[in-house]
Amino acid sequence: MISSLSNRLHYSSLTDAIYLNQASLGLVGQPAVSAMHAYLDDIGRHGNMNLTDAEEVALFNPLRENAAVLMNCPAEQLAIMSSAGEMLSQLPYLFSPPAGSKFVSVSTDFPAITRPWIAYAESHDIELQFVDEQTDVDLTGSLIENIDERTSVVAVSYVQFSTGTCADIHRLREATRKVGAFLVIDVTQAAGAVPIDAKGWEADIVVCSGYKWLGGQGGVGLAVVAPEFLKQTPPAPGWMGAPDPFDMQATKLPLANDARRFTQSTMSYISMSGLTVALGELLAMSAEKIEAHAQSLARLLDEQLRGTGWTPFRSIEDRAASAHIIALENPAAEAEYTLKTIRDANIVCSSRNGRIRVSIAHFNDENDVRALVKILQQV
């Protein structure tokens, strides 16, 4: 029996349903929920009665410390923002790529990565080149084949949200470095499920949303910023990015000497308090153990589905396949009808690009997988 890695009693939703949907809106554990309630009850609802200016600035510190460990980066390079998109939307102007250069990404990647560049190309001379992901074809290799001397930026998710395919960041960094291109990595569908090595990757920007696999709520994003950008003025600077945010001089632009300069303004402190606790729980479990747990359940899912017509988009034996996001397809079954049948059985997952997307988290166990297989066998 493959038991859950975490305490299922911390997730009240699991008493009513099987949740295989962490890649969408992830479940939030009771310790994080309690921390959010405590902030609202003890501090948030009282304005500044229980929170000084200095204490407000200090609210960021515990989250920054936990996030830096999770992302494996110096705390000085960790920016806290209101969303991953807040950083992604600034990158065309932070990088200022030369005219006539090329942006490379995946055609089915998450739109927050690509749309700022599509908008930028409307008024700037930059070519957009999108690589199609194909079954049994190395996605990293396809990206590298399109990197040439004209390439100025490569942006990709570490794990593709609709297929679970993992990019080889070290190979991408080597290829982009040869031509002097910037490398942007979105780890929203990876951090909290697999180890992250921002320091070892040496990407220019690594971004992550503060919910899904991290176990938090919306309203917080994280970004690891390469040292050279810690000396640049953010394209969208805010008042909170100053070394002393409450030294409010409207005629000057003081900036913190580290990644704090990218924090714009007052944020969802409630979400920050919950995320800080959720990250602490993830660190206690360890990314390696969480990944191994998903691998065990993914192998079980694959074994049980053999001969049913349901197959993963990418074989779980493929080194580019992730265990925590598995996209299932069946030429004899329609995805939306199948999803409705699954939901009718109180099992929650998603459909993406015509496939059933199964998300395996640390709170899932063998019974969850077997229940899903039983429904898929009947469709």
Protein backbone atom coordinates (compact mmCIF):
# COMPACT_ATOMS: atom_id res chain seq x y z
CA MET A 1 0.00 0.00 0.00
CA ILE A 2 1.38 3.39 -1.03
CA SER A 3 0.28 5.76 1.73
CA SER A 4 0.16 9.54 1.55
CA LEU A 5 3.36 11.37 2.40
CA SER A 6 1.58 14.14 4.31
CA ASN A 7 -1.30 14.17 6.77
CA ARG A 8 -4.53 13.87 4.79
CA LEU A 9 -6.49 15.18 7.79
CA HIS A 10 -4.99 18.59 7.03
CA TYR A 11 -7.06 18.70 3.83
CA SER A 12 -10.76 18.77 4.63
CA SER A 13 -11.68 18.42 0.94
CA LEU A 14 -10.36 14.87 0.94
CA THR A 15 -13.24 13.72 3.12
CA ASP A 16 -15.62 14.44 0.23
CA ALA A 17 -13.56 13.78 -2.89
CA ILE A 18 -10.38 12.45 -4.40
CA TYR A 19 -8.23 15.38 -5.49
CA LEU A 20 -5.86 14.84 -8.43
CA ASN A 21 -5.82 18.47 -9.52
CA GLN A 22 -2.98 20.24 -7.71
CA ALA A 23 -1.73 21.55 -11.08
CA SER A 24 -4.84 23.79 -11.25
CA LEU A 25 -5.93 25.36 -7.97
CA GLY A 26 -4.09 23.36 -5.34
CA LEU A 27 -5.49 22.30 -2.01
CA VAL A 28 -4.35 24.39 0.95
CA GLY A 29 -3.46 22.51 4.14
CA GLN A 30 -4.91 23.37 7.53
CA PRO A 31 -1.64 24.73 8.98
CA ALA A 32 -1.49 27.33 6.18
CA VAL A 33 -5.19 28.09 6.57
CA SER A 34 -4.72 28.59 10.30
CA ALA A 35 -1.82 30.97 9.66
CA MET A 36 -3.97 33.02 7.28
CA HIS A 37 -6.82 33.18 9.77
CA ALA A 38 -4.40 34.19 12.51
CA TYR A 39 -3.01 37.04 10.41
CA LEU A 40 -6.48 38.30 9.53
CA ASP A 41 -7.83 37.99 13.07
CA ASP A 42 -4.79 39.29 14.95
CA ILE A 43 -3.34 41.84 12.52
CA GLY A 44 -5.05 42.34 9.16
CA ARG A 45 -8.50 43.37 10.35
CA HIS A 46 -7.04 45.94 12.75
CA GLY A 47 -5.30 48.19 10.22
CA ASN A 48 -2.13 49.58 11.80
CA MET A 49 -3.24 49.10 15.38
CA ASN A 50 -1.17 45.90 15.65
CA LEU A 51 1.29 46.51 12.80
CA THR A 52 3.93 49.21 12.66
CA ASP A 53 5.58 50.34 9.42
CA ALA A 54 8.74 48.43 10.30
CA GLU A 55 6.75 45.30 11.10
CA GLU A 56 4.97 45.53 7.75
CA VAL A 57 8.30 45.54 5.91
CA ALA A 58 9.49 42.62 8.06
CA LEU A 59 6.49 40.49 7.02
CA PHE A 60 8.41 39.57 3.86
CA ASN A 61 11.43 38.10 5.67
CA PRO A 62 10.16 34.65 6.74
CA LEU A 63 8.72 33.97 3.29
CA ARG A 64 11.91 35.10 1.58
CA GLU A 65 14.00 32.79 3.77
CA ASN A 66 11.81 29.72 3.14
CA ALA A 67 11.46 30.44 -0.58
CA ALA A 68 15.21 30.86 -1.03
CA VAL A 69 15.80 27.41 0.47
CA LEU A 70 13.09 25.85 -1.69
CA MET A 71 14.46 27.46 -4.86
CA ASN A 72 18.10 26.91 -3.84
CA CYS A 73 19.22 30.48 -4.29
CA PRO A 74 20.67 33.26 -2.12
CA ALA A 75 17.93 35.18 -0.31
CA GLU A 76 19.34 38.37 -1.85
CA GLN A 77 18.24 37.11 -5.29
CA LEU A 78 14.69 36.20 -4.22
CA ALA A 79 12.00 38.72 -5.15
CA ILE A 80 8.50 38.56 -3.69
CA MET A 81 5.81 39.87 -6.01
CA SER A 82 2.04 39.73 -6.35
CA SER A 83 2.25 37.07 -9.10
CA ALA A 84 4.66 35.34 -11.45
CA GLY A 85 3.06 37.32 -14.26
CA GLU A 86 4.12 40.57 -12.61
CA MET A 87 7.75 39.67 -13.33
CA LEU A 88 7.12 37.97 -16.68
CA SER A 89 5.34 41.04 -18.04
CA GLN A 90 8.39 43.23 -17.33
CA LEU A 91 11.00 41.03 -18.98
CA PRO A 92 10.81 42.41 -22.54
CA TYR A 93 11.71 45.83 -21.15
CA LEU A 94 14.20 44.54 -18.60
CA PHE A 95 16.08 42.61 -21.30
CA SER A 96 15.59 45.14 -24.15
CA PRO A 97 16.65 42.64 -26.85
CA PRO A 98 18.32 44.04 -29.98
CA ALA A 99 16.24 44.77 -33.06
CA GLY A 100 16.00 41.84 -35.43
CA SER A 101 16.64 39.25 -32.71
CA LYS A 102 14.53 36.21 -31.92
CA PHE A 103 12.40 35.01 -28.99
CA VAL A 104 12.03 31.22 -28.66
CA SER A 105 9.39 29.37 -26.63
CA VAL A 106 6.96 26.43 -26.78
CA SER A 107 3.71 26.88 -28.70
CA THR A 108 1.66 25.17 -25.97
CA ASP A 109 3.45 26.68 -22.98
CA PHE A 110 1.56 28.68 -20.37
CA PRO A 111 0.37 31.98 -21.92
CA ALA A 112 1.78 34.16 -19.10
CA ILE A 113 5.23 33.30 -20.46
CA THR A 114 4.58 34.16 -24.10
CA ARG A 115 1.96 36.92 -24.20
CA PRO A 116 4.21 39.74 -22.94
CA TRP A 117 6.53 38.98 -25.86
CA ILE A 118 3.65 38.81 -28.35
CA ALA A 119 2.58 42.27 -27.19
CA TYR A 120 6.18 43.52 -27.29
CA ALA A 121 6.55 42.31 -30.89
CA GLU A 122 3.62 44.50 -31.95
CA SER A 123 5.80 47.59 -31.52
CA HIS A 124 9.35 46.20 -31.61
CA ASP A 125 11.42 44.42 -34.22
CA ILE A 126 11.65 40.95 -32.72
CA GLU A 127 10.77 37.59 -34.25
CA LEU A 128 8.63 35.13 -32.31
CA GLN A 129 9.49 31.47 -32.86
CA PHE A 130 7.38 28.78 -31.25
CA VAL A 131 8.39 25.13 -31.01
CA ASP A 132 5.67 22.48 -31.13
CA GLU A 133 5.83 19.71 -28.54
CA GLN A 134 5.53 16.22 -30.01
CA THR A 135 5.12 12.81 -28.42
CA ASP A 136 8.39 10.86 -28.17
CA VAL A 137 10.40 13.87 -29.36
CA ASP A 138 12.88 15.53 -27.00
CA LEU A 139 11.37 18.96 -26.31
CA THR A 140 14.66 20.35 -25.02
CA GLY A 141 16.37 19.19 -28.18
CA SER A 142 13.70 20.87 -30.31
CA LEU A 143 14.23 24.14 -28.48
CA ILE A 144 18.01 23.91 -28.86
CA GLU A 145 17.66 23.25 -32.60
CA ASN A 146 15.95 26.66 -32.90
CA ILE A 147 18.55 28.57 -30.90
CA ASP A 148 20.98 30.41 -33.17
CA GLU A 149 23.05 33.58 -33.27
CA ARG A 150 19.91 35.70 -33.69
CA THR A 151 18.28 34.31 -30.54
CA SER A 152 18.12 36.83 -27.72
CA VAL A 153 15.61 35.18 -25.35
CA VAL A 154 14.49 31.63 -24.57
CA ALA A 155 11.55 31.29 -22.16
CA VAL A 156 10.08 27.96 -21.12
CA SER A 157 8.34 26.19 -18.25
CA TYR A 158 10.48 23.67 -16.41
CA VAL A 159 7.43 21.38 -16.49
CA GLN A 160 4.81 21.85 -19.20
CA PHE A 161 1.40 22.45 -17.64
CA SER A 162 -0.60 20.37 -20.15
CA THR A 163 1.72 17.39 -20.69
CA GLY A 164 4.08 17.21 -17.71
CA THR A 165 7.15 17.26 -19.96
CA CYS A 166 10.32 18.42 -18.18
CA ALA A 167 12.90 20.62 -19.87
CA ASP A 168 16.61 20.02 -19.32
CA ILE A 169 17.62 23.40 -17.95
CA HIS A 170 21.36 22.70 -17.92
CA ARG A 171 21.32 21.91 -21.65
CA LEU A 172 19.26 25.02 -22.37
CA ARG A 173 21.63 27.18 -20.33
CA GLU A 174 24.60 25.82 -22.25
CA ALA A 175 22.91 26.51 -25.59
CA THR A 176 21.75 30.02 -24.67
CA ARG A 177 25.11 30.94 -23.20
CA LYS A 178 26.86 30.08 -26.47
CA VAL A 179 24.83 32.73 -28.33
CA GLY A 180 24.49 35.22 -25.46
CA ALA A 181 20.73 34.73 -25.08
CA PHE A 182 18.72 35.28 -21.91
CA LEU A 183 17.08 32.24 -20.31
CA VAL A 184 13.76 32.48 -18.46
CA ILE A 185 12.38 29.48 -16.54
CA ASP A 186 8.88 29.23 -15.05
CA VAL A 187 8.78 26.62 -12.27
CA THR A 188 5.13 27.10 -11.33
CA GLN A 189 4.33 23.49 -12.26
CA ALA A 190 7.48 22.13 -10.62
CA ALA A 191 8.37 23.92 -7.37
CA GLY A 192 6.90 22.01 -4.46
CA ALA A 193 6.73 18.80 -6.51
CA VAL A 194 10.35 18.30 -7.60
CA PRO A 195 13.71 19.78 -6.52
CA ILE A 196 14.53 23.24 -7.89
CA ASP A 197 18.14 24.31 -8.41
CA ALA A 198 18.06 27.98 -9.38
CA LYS A 199 21.66 28.42 -8.27
CA GLY A 200 22.90 25.52 -10.37
CA TRP A 201 20.82 26.42 -13.42
CA GLU A 202 22.18 29.97 -13.60
CA ALA A 203 19.11 31.12 -15.53
CA ASP A 204 18.58 34.86 -15.83
CA ILE A 205 15.09 34.78 -14.31
CA VAL A 206 13.24 31.95 -12.55
CA VAL A 207 9.60 32.65 -11.69
CA CYS A 208 6.96 30.79 -9.71
CA SER A 209 3.36 31.35 -8.67
CA GLY A 210 2.68 31.06 -4.95
CA TYR A 211 -0.11 28.51 -5.14
CA LYS A 212 -0.64 25.14 -6.92
CA TRP A 213 2.16 22.83 -5.75
CA LEU A 214 3.42 25.30 -3.15
CA GLY A 215 0.18 24.96 -1.21
CA GLY A 216 -0.59 28.66 -0.93
CA GLN A 217 -3.30 31.01 -2.17
CA GLY A 218 -3.19 33.50 -5.03
CA GLY A 219 -1.75 36.98 -4.58
CA VAL A 220 1.92 36.05 -4.19
CA GLY A 221 4.63 35.24 -6.72
CA LEU A 222 8.33 34.49 -6.46
CA ALA A 223 11.23 35.31 -8.75
CA VAL A 224 14.91 34.45 -8.63
CA VAL A 225 16.82 37.27 -10.30
CA ALA A 226 20.34 36.90 -11.68
CA PRO A 227 22.93 39.19 -10.02
CA GLU A 228 23.35 41.48 -13.03
CA PHE A 229 19.70 42.54 -12.87
CA LEU A 230 19.96 43.49 -9.22
CA LYS A 231 21.77 46.61 -10.38
CA GLN A 232 19.14 47.60 -12.95
CA THR A 233 16.07 49.74 -12.46
CA PRO A 234 12.94 47.56 -12.74
CA PRO A 235 10.73 48.51 -15.70
CA ALA A 236 7.81 48.88 -13.26
CA PRO A 237 9.29 50.11 -9.97
CA GLY A 238 7.05 50.56 -6.97
CA TRP A 239 7.28 52.22 -3.60
CA MET A 240 7.96 48.97 -1.73
CA GLY A 241 11.17 48.36 -3.70
CA ALA A 242 13.08 51.04 -1.78
CA PRO A 243 15.64 50.17 0.92
CA ASP A 244 13.34 51.90 3.40
CA PRO A 245 9.87 51.85 1.82
CA PHE A 246 8.40 54.21 4.37
CA ASP A 247 10.97 56.92 3.59
CA MET A 248 8.58 58.22 0.96
CA GLN A 249 10.36 60.79 -1.20
CA ALA A 250 8.24 61.31 -4.28
CA THR A 251 10.99 63.10 -6.22
CA LYS A 252 13.56 60.29 -5.93
CA LEU A 253 13.88 56.63 -6.96
CA PRO A 254 15.73 54.80 -4.18
CA LEU A 255 16.08 51.07 -4.82
CA ALA A 256 17.09 48.22 -2.52
CA ASN A 257 20.47 46.72 -3.38
CA ASP A 258 19.01 43.24 -3.87
CA ALA A 259 15.93 41.55 -5.35
CA ARG A 260 13.67 43.50 -2.99
CA ARG A 261 13.80 46.28 -5.59
CA PHE A 262 11.34 44.26 -7.70
CA THR A 263 8.64 44.22 -5.00
CA GLN A 264 6.11 46.84 -6.05
CA SER A 265 3.65 47.56 -3.29
CA THR A 266 1.39 46.38 -0.49
CA MET A 267 0.49 42.77 -1.16
CA SER A 268 -1.76 40.00 0.07
CA TYR A 269 -0.13 39.62 3.47
CA ILE A 270 -2.74 37.01 4.32
CA SER A 271 -1.53 34.87 1.42
CA MET A 272 2.09 35.52 2.36
CA SER A 273 1.50 34.21 5.88
CA GLY A 274 -0.12 31.03 4.57
CA LEU A 275 2.56 30.46 1.93
CA THR A 276 5.34 30.83 4.50
CA VAL A 277 3.84 27.98 6.54
CA ALA A 278 3.12 25.85 3.45
CA LEU A 279 6.73 26.19 2.28
CA GLY A 280 7.93 25.17 5.72
CA GLU A 281 5.90 21.97 5.44
CA LEU A 282 7.29 21.24 1.98
CA LEU A 283 10.83 21.75 3.20
CA ALA A 284 10.20 19.38 6.10
CA MET A 285 8.98 16.67 3.71
CA SER A 286 11.79 17.44 1.20
CA ALA A 287 11.34 17.78 -2.55
CA GLU A 288 13.21 14.54 -3.13
CA LYS A 289 10.73 12.53 -1.05
CA ILE A 290 7.75 14.30 -2.63
CA GLU A 291 9.05 13.49 -6.10
CA ALA A 292 9.73 9.85 -5.16
CA HIS A 293 6.18 9.55 -3.77
CA ALA A 294 4.72 10.81 -7.06
CA GLN A 295 6.93 8.41 -9.01
CA SER A 296 5.58 5.46 -7.05
CA LEU A 297 1.97 6.44 -7.71
CA ALA A 298 2.70 7.28 -11.37
CA ARG A 299 4.15 3.80 -11.92
CA LEU A 300 1.07 2.27 -10.32
CA LEU A 301 -1.21 4.37 -12.55
CA ASP A 302 0.72 3.35 -15.65
CA GLU A 303 0.63 -0.35 -14.74
CA GLN A 304 -3.08 -0.35 -13.97
CA LEU A 305 -4.00 1.44 -17.23
CA ARG A 306 -2.14 -0.94 -19.56
CA GLY A 307 -4.54 -2.50 -22.00
CA THR A 308 -7.33 -0.02 -21.29
CA GLY A 309 -6.61 2.30 -24.23
CA TRP A 310 -5.46 5.09 -21.92
CA THR A 311 -1.81 6.02 -22.35
CA PRO A 312 0.32 8.93 -21.07
CA PHE A 313 1.34 11.60 -23.56
CA ARG A 314 4.94 10.84 -22.65
CA SER A 315 5.98 7.41 -21.36
CA ILE A 316 6.78 7.52 -17.67
CA GLU A 317 10.05 5.80 -18.57
CA ASP A 318 11.02 8.84 -20.64
CA ARG A 319 13.56 10.87 -18.67
CA ALA A 320 11.69 14.03 -19.75
CA ALA A 321 8.43 12.82 -18.19
CA SER A 322 7.35 14.14 -14.82
CA ALA A 323 5.57 11.91 -12.34
CA HIS A 324 3.38 14.58 -10.78
CA ILE A 325 1.64 15.69 -14.01
CA ILE A 326 0.46 12.91 -16.31
CA ALA A 327 -1.60 13.70 -19.41
CA LEU A 328 -3.71 10.72 -20.47
CA GLU A 329 -5.18 10.24 -23.92
CA ASN A 330 -7.40 7.62 -25.52
CA PRO A 331 -8.42 7.78 -29.21
CA ALA A 332 -11.68 6.03 -28.34
CA ALA A 333 -12.73 8.45 -25.59
CA GLU A 334 -13.66 12.13 -25.61
CA ALA A 335 -11.83 14.12 -22.94
CA GLU A 336 -14.66 16.38 -21.76
CA TYR A 337 -17.16 13.52 -21.49
CA THR A 338 -14.57 11.47 -19.63
CA LEU A 339 -13.87 14.37 -17.27
CA LYS A 340 -17.58 14.69 -16.45
CA THR A 341 -17.74 10.98 -15.67
CA ILE A 342 -14.71 11.32 -13.40
CA ARG A 343 -16.23 14.32 -11.60
CA ASP A 344 -19.52 12.45 -11.15
CA ALA A 345 -17.49 9.88 -9.21
CA ASN A 346 -16.18 12.64 -6.87
CA ILE A 347 -12.72 12.57 -8.41
CA VAL A 348 -11.29 15.96 -9.35
CA CYS A 349 -8.81 16.39 -12.17
CA SER A 350 -8.68 18.49 -15.37
CA SER A 351 -8.65 18.31 -19.14
CA ARG A 352 -5.98 20.18 -21.07
CA ASN A 353 -5.52 20.19 -24.85
CA GLY A 354 -7.84 17.23 -25.32
CA ARG A 355 -6.24 15.07 -22.62
CA ILE A 356 -7.10 14.14 -19.05
CA ARG A 357 -4.50 15.75 -16.80
CA VAL A 358 -3.81 13.90 -13.57
CA SER A 359 -1.90 15.73 -10.82
CA ILE A 360 -0.29 13.60 -8.11
CA ALA A 361 0.52 15.38 -4.84
CA HIS A 362 2.03 14.38 -1.50
CA PHE A 363 -1.42 13.91 0.05
CA ASN A 364 -2.50 11.33 -2.56
CA ASP A 365 -2.32 7.61 -1.91
CA GLU A 366 -2.77 4.31 -3.71
CA ASN A 367 -6.53 4.28 -3.20
CA ASP A 368 -6.83 7.57 -5.09
CA VAL A 369 -5.05 6.14 -8.12
CA ARG A 370 -7.01 2.89 -8.10
CA ALA A 371 -10.31 4.77 -7.89
CA LEU A 372 -9.39 6.85 -10.96
CA VAL A 373 -8.32 3.76 -12.89
CA LYS A 374 -11.64 2.07 -12.12
CA ILE A 375 -13.55 4.96 -13.71
CA LEU A 376 -11.26 5.15 -16.75
CA GLN A 377 -11.70 1.43 -17.35
CA GLN A 378 -15.45 1.98 -17.62
CA VAL A 379 -15.31 4.89 -20.08
